[in-house]
């Protein structure tokens, strides 16, 4: 092989790697595991050191939260024809294509949008891709991002949109946590491609002036890009109804278990307009009649706009998608229906309100921090005299509870604070247990 490619040794293949970065000795590896049984036993032993959200009560959120997963979701996405399907074409993968079309149709109904993509990896990628799409649609290179967007999403946006785009963070109203319209208007201009904000926000705040925000953005020719938790859309009006141009988010609440780095799938939705459709980098599935009267088929829409079709000439490179999670979300939505989604949203809001009321009654604790309606998540502030959030969480962990995400070093204006998450799986007893444990920890 070396002769065939014209090099003297294997070392010649690594000449671009600085010598100081190369390992000069044998790797310090343990003895090999000689059977699958030994490997399984070894890995299981390591995993036993972990404590999962199935073992303890979890109030962690921040992008991944405990939701109920109907058994039918696992049953369908574990079927071989879905689980092992990767690429395929309409003539040999018709069932998967139809399943994804059905998913996109139900998501479109939930979002009141016409076009929904085959899922991206996660919300982070969906948000960054949506901003890139807005830049291409408008021909502008500056994007504004709300100050309430979570740090992981902001990090991905900054990474994915460079080079070629400038990202500027717009501060939110300190009292409500909602978009500060004056701050936004002062930063809008004819070079702005879009304003990205979330409803509900990373801090769980529900935006009450979405239409005014979208109107201000549209006034300068920019697009309103909105991130949304799909679990909220049974009780909140979808962003499209008040002016959003591109809507994105994560499917994790729709039938997906929390996993180690998995259980995420990002969606993007727009109107059925060529200017938007042709800027999607990911696959879109549509329905069309076949040569047989009354028969329909399912397949790619405008395939030649994707990197699959034009390779390096594609507007963005798209690799493996999270299509299996799209099918799972489709199963979940079909099972829940409109009434189920409404009951889901109502149940989450009722539980979150109960938790906020009980926590706020503890001396030295303010819940929520923001004077606004919330969905699922809310910031909790602890007085300076109390232990740090890290110490509080350690105390809760000793009592079998995962506390909130520490916001102290991320959202400095909130002071000593944590983000708590309450979903439909939390019982009154779970919330009361949190309140009791918190009283003990803070003394």
Protein backbone atom coordinates (compact mmCIF):
# COMPACT_ATOMS: atom_id res chain seq x y z
CA UNK A 1 0.00 0.00 0.00
CA UNK A 2 2.85 2.38 0.82
CA UNK A 3 4.45 1.67 -2.56
CA UNK A 4 1.14 2.27 -4.31
CA UNK A 5 0.68 5.75 -2.82
CA UNK A 6 4.38 6.60 -3.10
CA UNK A 7 5.61 7.00 0.50
CA UNK A 8 8.47 5.36 2.36
CA UNK A 9 6.80 4.66 5.70
CA UNK A 10 3.64 5.11 7.73
CA UNK A 11 5.27 8.09 9.45
CA UNK A 12 5.22 9.92 6.11
CA UNK A 13 1.43 9.96 6.31
CA UNK A 14 1.59 12.14 9.43
CA UNK A 15 4.07 14.81 8.34
CA UNK A 16 1.44 17.53 8.78
CA UNK A 17 1.13 16.74 12.50
CA UNK A 18 3.76 18.61 14.59
CA UNK A 19 6.33 16.26 16.07
CA UNK A 20 5.56 17.45 19.60
CA UNK A 21 1.98 16.18 19.29
CA UNK A 22 2.94 12.64 18.28
CA UNK A 23 3.02 9.81 20.81
CA UNK A 24 6.47 8.19 20.80
CA UNK A 25 5.61 5.21 22.97
CA UNK A 26 3.07 2.44 22.96
CA UNK A 27 -0.36 3.42 24.22
CA UNK A 28 -1.05 2.54 27.84
CA UNK A 29 -4.02 0.28 27.25
CA UNK A 30 -5.49 -2.36 29.58
CA UNK A 31 -5.44 -6.03 28.58
CA UNK A 32 -7.94 -6.91 25.85
CA UNK A 33 -11.42 -8.17 26.66
CA UNK A 34 -11.67 -11.49 24.84
CA UNK A 35 -15.45 -11.96 24.76
CA UNK A 36 -18.65 -9.96 24.35
CA UNK A 37 -19.74 -11.16 27.79
CA UNK A 38 -16.57 -9.77 29.38
CA UNK A 39 -17.04 -6.45 27.58
CA UNK A 40 -20.66 -6.18 28.69
CA UNK A 41 -19.73 -6.97 32.28
CA UNK A 42 -16.95 -4.38 32.22
CA UNK A 43 -19.15 -1.60 30.80
CA UNK A 44 -22.05 -2.46 33.12
CA UNK A 45 -19.71 -2.18 36.08
CA UNK A 46 -18.68 1.32 34.99
CA UNK A 47 -22.29 2.40 34.45
CA UNK A 48 -23.27 1.26 37.94
CA UNK A 49 -21.27 4.21 39.25
CA UNK A 50 -23.84 6.55 37.71
CA UNK A 51 -27.11 7.67 39.23
CA UNK A 52 -29.77 8.33 36.60
CA UNK A 53 -32.96 10.34 36.54
CA UNK A 54 -34.79 7.04 36.87
CA UNK A 55 -33.18 6.59 40.29
CA UNK A 56 -33.56 10.14 41.63
CA UNK A 57 -36.19 12.83 41.17
CA UNK A 58 -34.88 15.27 38.56
CA UNK A 59 -35.68 18.95 38.26
CA UNK A 60 -32.93 19.51 35.69
CA UNK A 61 -33.81 21.11 32.38
CA UNK A 62 -31.94 23.57 30.24
CA UNK A 63 -32.56 21.78 26.95
CA UNK A 64 -33.27 18.19 27.97
CA UNK A 65 -36.02 17.31 30.42
CA UNK A 66 -37.84 14.25 31.76
CA UNK A 67 -41.01 13.67 29.77
CA UNK A 68 -43.37 10.72 29.58
CA UNK A 69 -42.59 8.40 26.66
CA UNK A 70 -45.53 6.22 25.58
CA UNK A 71 -44.43 2.62 25.01
CA UNK A 72 -45.74 2.72 21.43
CA UNK A 73 -42.96 5.21 20.58
CA UNK A 74 -40.28 2.69 21.57
CA UNK A 75 -42.17 -0.12 19.86
CA UNK A 76 -42.31 1.63 16.49
CA UNK A 77 -38.83 3.18 16.42
CA UNK A 78 -37.36 -0.19 17.38
CA UNK A 79 -38.78 -1.92 14.30
CA UNK A 80 -36.02 -3.09 11.96
CA UNK A 81 -37.29 -1.30 8.87
CA UNK A 82 -37.01 2.05 10.70
CA UNK A 83 -34.16 1.38 13.13
CA UNK A 84 -31.71 0.22 10.45
CA UNK A 85 -32.80 2.52 7.61
CA UNK A 86 -30.25 5.19 6.69
CA UNK A 87 -30.46 6.67 3.22
CA UNK A 88 -32.53 4.89 0.59
CA UNK A 89 -34.66 6.07 -2.30
CA UNK A 90 -38.45 6.21 -2.71
CA UNK A 91 -38.51 2.97 -4.70
CA UNK A 92 -36.78 0.95 -1.96
CA UNK A 93 -37.62 2.87 1.22
CA UNK A 94 -41.21 3.92 0.65
CA UNK A 95 -42.43 3.22 4.20
CA UNK A 96 -39.81 5.37 5.90
CA UNK A 97 -40.41 8.21 3.48
CA UNK A 98 -44.14 8.07 4.11
CA UNK A 99 -43.57 7.98 7.90
CA UNK A 100 -41.41 11.11 7.68
CA UNK A 101 -44.00 12.82 5.48
CA UNK A 102 -46.66 12.06 8.08
CA UNK A 103 -44.36 13.41 10.82
CA UNK A 104 -43.75 16.62 8.87
CA UNK A 105 -47.49 17.00 8.25
CA UNK A 106 -48.38 16.72 11.94
CA UNK A 107 -45.57 19.05 12.97
CA UNK A 108 -46.76 21.51 10.33
CA UNK A 109 -50.25 21.40 11.82
CA UNK A 110 -48.89 21.93 15.34
CA UNK A 111 -46.70 24.83 14.20
CA UNK A 112 -49.20 26.25 11.66
CA UNK A 113 -46.41 26.12 9.07
CA UNK A 114 -46.37 24.48 5.64
CA UNK A 115 -42.88 23.02 5.40
CA UNK A 116 -40.97 21.00 8.03
CA UNK A 117 -37.59 19.39 7.48
CA UNK A 118 -36.24 15.95 8.24
CA UNK A 119 -34.75 16.57 11.70
CA UNK A 120 -31.25 17.92 12.27
CA UNK A 121 -29.11 16.73 15.17
CA UNK A 122 -30.65 19.02 17.78
CA UNK A 123 -32.10 22.44 18.59
CA UNK A 124 -28.62 23.96 18.55
CA UNK A 125 -28.05 23.02 14.93
CA UNK A 126 -31.62 23.91 13.96
CA UNK A 127 -31.24 27.42 15.41
CA UNK A 128 -27.86 28.02 13.77
CA UNK A 129 -29.08 26.67 10.44
CA UNK A 130 -32.21 28.85 10.61
CA UNK A 131 -30.04 31.93 11.06
CA UNK A 132 -27.88 30.89 8.10
CA UNK A 133 -31.05 30.44 6.03
CA UNK A 134 -32.23 33.93 7.01
CA UNK A 135 -28.88 35.36 5.94
CA UNK A 136 -29.14 33.78 2.50
CA UNK A 137 -32.78 34.81 2.07
CA UNK A 138 -32.15 38.46 2.97
CA UNK A 139 -28.62 38.76 1.61
CA UNK A 140 -27.53 40.27 4.93
CA UNK A 141 -24.75 39.19 7.27
CA UNK A 142 -25.64 40.47 10.77
CA UNK A 143 -27.92 38.57 13.13
CA UNK A 144 -29.34 39.58 16.51
CA UNK A 145 -29.86 37.02 19.27
CA UNK A 146 -31.88 37.52 22.45
CA UNK A 147 -29.95 37.72 25.70
CA UNK A 148 -32.19 35.03 27.21
CA UNK A 149 -31.00 32.32 24.80
CA UNK A 150 -29.14 29.52 26.57
CA UNK A 151 -25.34 29.38 26.50
CA UNK A 152 -25.15 26.13 24.50
CA UNK A 153 -27.34 27.50 21.71
CA UNK A 154 -25.40 30.78 21.61
CA UNK A 155 -22.11 28.87 21.45
CA UNK A 156 -23.35 26.78 18.52
CA UNK A 157 -24.69 29.84 16.69
CA UNK A 158 -21.38 31.67 17.07
CA UNK A 159 -19.45 28.65 15.86
CA UNK A 160 -21.73 27.73 12.95
CA UNK A 161 -22.22 31.23 11.62
CA UNK A 162 -18.55 32.13 11.28
CA UNK A 163 -16.99 33.14 9.06
CA UNK A 164 -19.32 35.37 7.12
CA UNK A 165 -21.80 36.47 9.79
CA UNK A 166 -21.73 38.78 12.79
CA UNK A 167 -23.77 37.76 15.83
CA UNK A 168 -24.88 40.38 18.37
CA UNK A 169 -26.67 39.66 21.64
CA UNK A 170 -29.59 41.94 22.60
CA UNK A 171 -30.22 42.33 26.36
CA UNK A 172 -33.64 41.45 27.73
CA UNK A 173 -35.82 43.35 30.19
CA UNK A 174 -34.36 42.66 33.63
CA UNK A 175 -37.71 42.55 35.41
CA UNK A 176 -39.66 40.32 33.04
CA UNK A 177 -36.97 38.41 31.16
CA UNK A 178 -38.85 39.22 27.96
CA UNK A 179 -37.52 40.97 24.85
CA UNK A 180 -36.62 44.61 25.49
CA UNK A 181 -38.21 46.30 22.48
CA UNK A 182 -36.26 49.54 22.89
CA UNK A 183 -32.95 47.66 23.05
CA UNK A 184 -33.96 45.62 20.01
CA UNK A 185 -35.02 48.63 17.92
CA UNK A 186 -31.75 50.41 18.72
CA UNK A 187 -29.82 47.55 17.13
CA UNK A 188 -31.99 46.87 14.09
CA UNK A 189 -30.80 48.14 10.73
CA UNK A 190 -30.74 47.42 7.01
CA UNK A 191 -27.81 45.01 7.51
CA UNK A 192 -29.70 42.75 9.96
CA UNK A 193 -30.75 39.39 8.54
CA UNK A 194 -32.83 38.25 11.50
CA UNK A 195 -33.56 38.39 15.19
CA UNK A 196 -33.52 35.03 16.96
CA UNK A 197 -35.42 34.63 20.22
CA UNK A 198 -37.27 31.84 21.97
CA UNK A 199 -40.80 31.47 23.30
CA UNK A 200 -40.76 30.10 25.93
CA UNK A 201 -37.18 31.19 26.55
CA UNK A 202 -34.34 29.15 28.01
CA UNK A 203 -35.41 30.57 31.38
CA UNK A 204 -39.00 29.44 30.81
CA UNK A 205 -40.36 32.95 30.27
CA UNK A 206 -43.32 33.24 27.91
CA UNK A 207 -43.01 36.18 25.53
CA UNK A 208 -46.16 38.32 25.67
CA UNK A 209 -45.18 40.79 22.92
CA UNK A 210 -44.23 38.44 20.12
CA UNK A 211 -46.29 40.28 17.51
CA UNK A 212 -44.65 43.61 18.40
CA UNK A 213 -41.20 42.01 18.24
CA UNK A 214 -41.91 40.47 14.84
CA UNK A 215 -43.33 43.79 13.60
CA UNK A 216 -40.20 45.69 14.62
CA UNK A 217 -37.99 43.11 12.94
CA UNK A 218 -40.03 43.14 9.72
CA UNK A 219 -39.95 46.94 9.61
CA UNK A 220 -36.26 46.87 8.70
CA UNK A 221 -36.64 44.00 6.23
CA UNK A 222 -35.27 41.33 8.57
CA UNK A 223 -36.80 37.96 9.47
CA UNK A 224 -38.17 36.81 12.81
CA UNK A 225 -36.58 33.46 13.72
CA UNK A 226 -38.21 31.87 16.77
CA UNK A 227 -37.24 28.84 18.83
CA UNK A 228 -40.11 27.00 20.48
CA UNK A 229 -40.73 24.04 22.78
CA UNK A 230 -43.29 21.90 20.90
CA UNK A 231 -44.72 20.69 24.21
CA UNK A 232 -46.01 24.23 24.80
CA UNK A 233 -48.05 24.46 21.61
CA UNK A 234 -51.16 22.89 23.09
CA UNK A 235 -51.57 25.99 25.26
CA UNK A 236 -49.56 28.72 23.49
CA UNK A 237 -50.27 30.19 20.06
CA UNK A 238 -47.64 28.99 17.57
CA UNK A 239 -45.07 31.62 16.56
CA UNK A 240 -46.32 31.65 12.97
CA UNK A 241 -49.65 33.08 14.16
CA UNK A 242 -47.96 36.25 15.42
CA UNK A 243 -45.40 36.82 12.71
CA UNK A 244 -42.51 34.35 12.90
CA UNK A 245 -40.89 33.59 9.54
CA UNK A 246 -38.73 30.61 10.54
CA UNK A 247 -39.53 28.44 13.54
CA UNK A 248 -37.17 25.88 15.05
CA UNK A 249 -36.78 23.78 18.18
CA UNK A 250 -36.16 20.29 19.55
CA UNK A 251 -38.33 17.19 19.36
CA UNK A 252 -37.05 15.80 22.67
CA UNK A 253 -40.36 16.36 24.53
CA UNK A 254 -42.23 14.36 21.86
CA UNK A 255 -41.57 10.76 22.81
CA UNK A 256 -37.82 10.75 23.39
CA UNK A 257 -36.01 9.39 26.42
CA UNK A 258 -33.16 11.41 27.89
CA UNK A 259 -29.87 9.77 26.92
CA UNK A 260 -26.12 10.31 27.14
CA UNK A 261 -25.80 12.94 24.41
CA UNK A 262 -28.80 11.61 22.48
CA UNK A 263 -32.55 11.94 22.48
CA UNK A 264 -32.43 15.16 20.49
CA UNK A 265 -33.63 16.16 17.05
CA UNK A 266 -33.96 19.69 15.71
CA UNK A 267 -36.83 20.83 13.50
CA UNK A 268 -37.09 23.83 11.16
CA UNK A 269 -40.41 25.08 9.74
CA UNK A 270 -41.38 27.82 7.28
CA UNK A 271 -44.08 28.89 4.89
CA UNK A 272 -44.34 27.11 1.54
CA UNK A 273 -42.57 29.80 -0.42
CA UNK A 274 -39.75 29.14 -2.85
CA UNK A 275 -37.48 31.72 -1.21
CA UNK A 276 -37.62 29.68 2.00
CA UNK A 277 -37.86 26.15 0.64
CA UNK A 278 -34.77 26.49 -1.55
CA UNK A 279 -32.65 27.58 1.42
CA UNK A 280 -33.26 24.46 3.50
CA UNK A 281 -30.04 22.45 3.51
CA UNK A 282 -31.75 19.35 4.89
CA UNK A 283 -34.07 16.89 3.19
CA UNK A 284 -37.76 17.60 2.75
CA UNK A 285 -40.34 14.95 1.95
CA UNK A 286 -43.48 15.57 -0.08
CA UNK A 287 -46.36 13.65 -1.61
CA UNK A 288 -47.16 13.43 -5.33
CA UNK A 289 -49.33 11.33 -7.65
CA UNK A 290 -47.74 8.39 -9.46
CA UNK A 291 -48.40 7.14 -12.97
CA UNK A 292 -51.22 5.03 -11.54
CA UNK A 293 -54.40 7.04 -11.12
CA UNK A 294 -55.37 7.44 -7.48
CA UNK A 295 -51.97 6.27 -6.23
CA UNK A 296 -49.50 8.51 -4.41
CA UNK A 297 -45.81 8.35 -3.62
CA UNK A 298 -43.49 10.05 -1.17
CA UNK A 299 -40.07 11.45 -1.89
CA UNK A 300 -37.55 14.28 -1.78
CA UNK A 301 -38.59 17.84 -2.59
CA UNK A 302 -36.03 19.88 -4.58
CA UNK A 303 -33.32 17.30 -3.89
CA UNK A 304 -30.77 19.18 -6.01
CA UNK A 305 -30.60 22.04 -3.44
CA UNK A 306 -29.04 19.68 -0.83
CA UNK A 307 -25.42 18.68 -0.40
CA UNK A 308 -26.56 15.14 -1.18
CA UNK A 309 -27.50 16.30 -4.65
CA UNK A 310 -24.77 18.85 -5.47
CA UNK A 311 -22.07 17.83 -2.97
CA UNK A 312 -19.53 20.61 -2.37
CA UNK A 313 -21.71 23.13 -4.21
CA UNK A 314 -24.40 22.83 -1.53
CA UNK A 315 -25.30 25.93 0.48
CA UNK A 316 -24.57 24.00 3.67
CA UNK A 317 -23.18 20.55 4.24
CA UNK A 318 -25.66 18.13 5.77
CA UNK A 319 -24.72 14.66 6.92
CA UNK A 320 -26.55 12.10 9.00
CA UNK A 321 -29.91 13.40 10.23
CA UNK A 322 -31.99 12.31 13.21
CA UNK A 323 -34.70 10.83 11.01
CA UNK A 324 -35.56 8.02 13.44
CA UNK A 325 -36.50 10.61 16.06
CA UNK A 326 -38.71 12.32 13.48
CA UNK A 327 -40.63 9.08 13.04
CA UNK A 328 -40.83 8.75 16.84
CA UNK A 329 -42.22 12.28 17.17
CA UNK A 330 -44.76 11.45 14.47
CA UNK A 331 -45.96 8.45 16.49
CA UNK A 332 -46.19 10.62 19.62
CA UNK A 333 -48.20 13.34 17.88
CA UNK A 334 -50.55 10.82 16.27
CA UNK A 335 -51.16 9.27 19.69
CA UNK A 336 -51.68 12.56 21.53
CA UNK A 337 -53.77 14.47 19.03
CA UNK A 338 -54.85 18.10 19.62
CA UNK A 339 -56.61 17.32 22.90
CA UNK A 340 -53.64 15.41 24.26
CA UNK A 341 -51.23 18.23 23.45
CA UNK A 342 -53.53 20.71 25.18
CA UNK A 343 -53.74 18.51 28.29
CA UNK A 344 -49.95 18.11 28.23
CA UNK A 345 -49.39 21.87 28.18
CA UNK A 346 -51.98 22.55 30.86
CA UNK A 347 -50.53 19.88 33.12
CA UNK A 348 -47.01 21.26 32.79
CA UNK A 349 -48.08 24.83 33.53
CA UNK A 350 -50.15 23.80 36.54
CA UNK A 351 -47.31 21.80 38.05
CA UNK A 352 -44.77 24.55 37.38
CA UNK A 353 -47.03 27.14 39.00
CA UNK A 354 -47.48 24.95 42.07
CA UNK A 355 -43.70 24.47 42.33
CA UNK A 356 -43.01 28.19 42.00
CA UNK A 357 -45.57 29.04 44.68
CA UNK A 358 -44.19 26.50 47.15
CA UNK A 359 -40.54 27.43 46.55
CA UNK A 360 -41.26 31.14 46.82
CA UNK A 361 -42.68 30.54 50.31
CA UNK A 362 -39.22 29.47 51.56
CA UNK A 363 -37.38 32.27 53.33
CA UNK A 364 -34.48 33.57 51.23
CA UNK A 365 -35.80 32.02 48.02
CA UNK A 366 -37.41 33.91 45.12
CA UNK A 367 -39.35 31.88 42.57
CA UNK A 368 -39.69 32.81 39.83
CA UNK A 369 -37.09 35.54 39.40
CA UNK A 370 -38.94 37.11 36.48
CA UNK A 371 -42.34 38.78 36.65
CA UNK A 372 -43.83 36.96 33.67
CA UNK A 373 -45.78 33.81 32.83
CA UNK A 374 -43.65 30.68 32.56
CA UNK A 375 -43.76 27.30 30.88
CA UNK A 376 -41.96 24.26 32.30
CA UNK A 377 -38.85 26.09 33.51
CA UNK A 378 -38.22 29.03 35.81
CA UNK A 379 -35.25 30.73 37.47
CA UNK A 380 -34.95 30.56 41.26
CA UNK A 381 -32.80 33.08 43.16
CA UNK A 382 -31.16 32.36 46.51
CA UNK A 383 -30.22 35.16 48.92
CA UNK A 384 -26.53 35.89 49.38
CA UNK A 385 -26.63 34.58 52.95
CA UNK A 386 -27.60 31.11 51.73
CA UNK A 387 -25.17 28.44 50.48
CA UNK A 388 -24.03 28.50 46.86
CA UNK A 389 -26.11 26.76 44.20
CA UNK A 390 -23.42 24.08 43.94
CA UNK A 391 -23.67 23.44 47.68
CA UNK A 392 -27.45 23.42 47.56
CA UNK A 393 -27.43 20.93 44.68
CA UNK A 394 -24.97 18.71 46.54
CA UNK A 395 -27.29 18.69 49.54
CA UNK A 396 -30.30 17.85 47.36
CA UNK A 397 -28.34 15.06 45.68
CA UNK A 398 -27.70 13.49 49.09
CA UNK A 399 -31.49 13.40 49.47
CA UNK A 400 -32.13 11.75 46.11
CA UNK A 401 -32.96 14.89 44.11
CA UNK A 402 -31.27 16.52 41.14
CA UNK A 403 -31.58 20.28 41.67
CA UNK A 404 -31.72 23.01 39.05
CA UNK A 405 -29.08 24.04 36.53
CA UNK A 406 -26.65 26.49 38.13
CA UNK A 407 -27.06 29.87 36.39
CA UNK A 408 -24.73 31.85 38.66
CA UNK A 409 -21.78 32.01 36.27
CA UNK A 410 -23.89 32.19 33.09
CA UNK A 411 -26.58 34.80 33.75
CA UNK A 412 -24.67 37.12 36.06
CA UNK A 413 -27.53 39.60 36.42
CA UNK A 414 -29.64 36.95 38.14
CA UNK A 415 -27.22 36.58 41.03
CA UNK A 416 -27.08 33.27 42.88
CA UNK A 417 -29.69 31.40 40.88
CA UNK A 418 -30.69 28.06 39.36
CA UNK A 419 -33.02 26.93 36.57
CA UNK A 420 -35.65 24.46 37.72
CA UNK A 421 -37.74 22.34 35.36
CA UNK A 422 -41.14 20.79 36.05
CA UNK A 423 -42.92 18.59 33.50
CA UNK A 424 -45.93 16.30 33.29
CA UNK A 425 -44.01 13.46 35.00
CA UNK A 426 -43.62 15.36 38.28
CA UNK A 427 -46.19 14.63 40.95
CA UNK A 428 -47.32 16.83 43.81
CA UNK A 429 -45.34 14.51 46.05
CA UNK A 430 -42.18 15.08 43.97
CA UNK A 431 -42.52 18.84 44.26
CA UNK A 432 -43.29 18.68 47.98
CA UNK A 433 -40.22 16.46 48.43
CA UNK A 434 -38.09 19.10 46.68
CA UNK A 435 -39.46 21.86 48.89
CA UNK A 436 -38.89 19.85 52.06
CA UNK A 437 -35.35 18.88 51.05
CA UNK A 438 -34.50 22.45 50.09
CA UNK A 439 -35.65 23.71 53.50
CA UNK A 440 -33.35 21.19 55.15
CA UNK A 441 -30.35 22.04 52.94
CA UNK A 442 -30.50 25.80 53.42
CA UNK A 443 -31.27 25.47 57.12
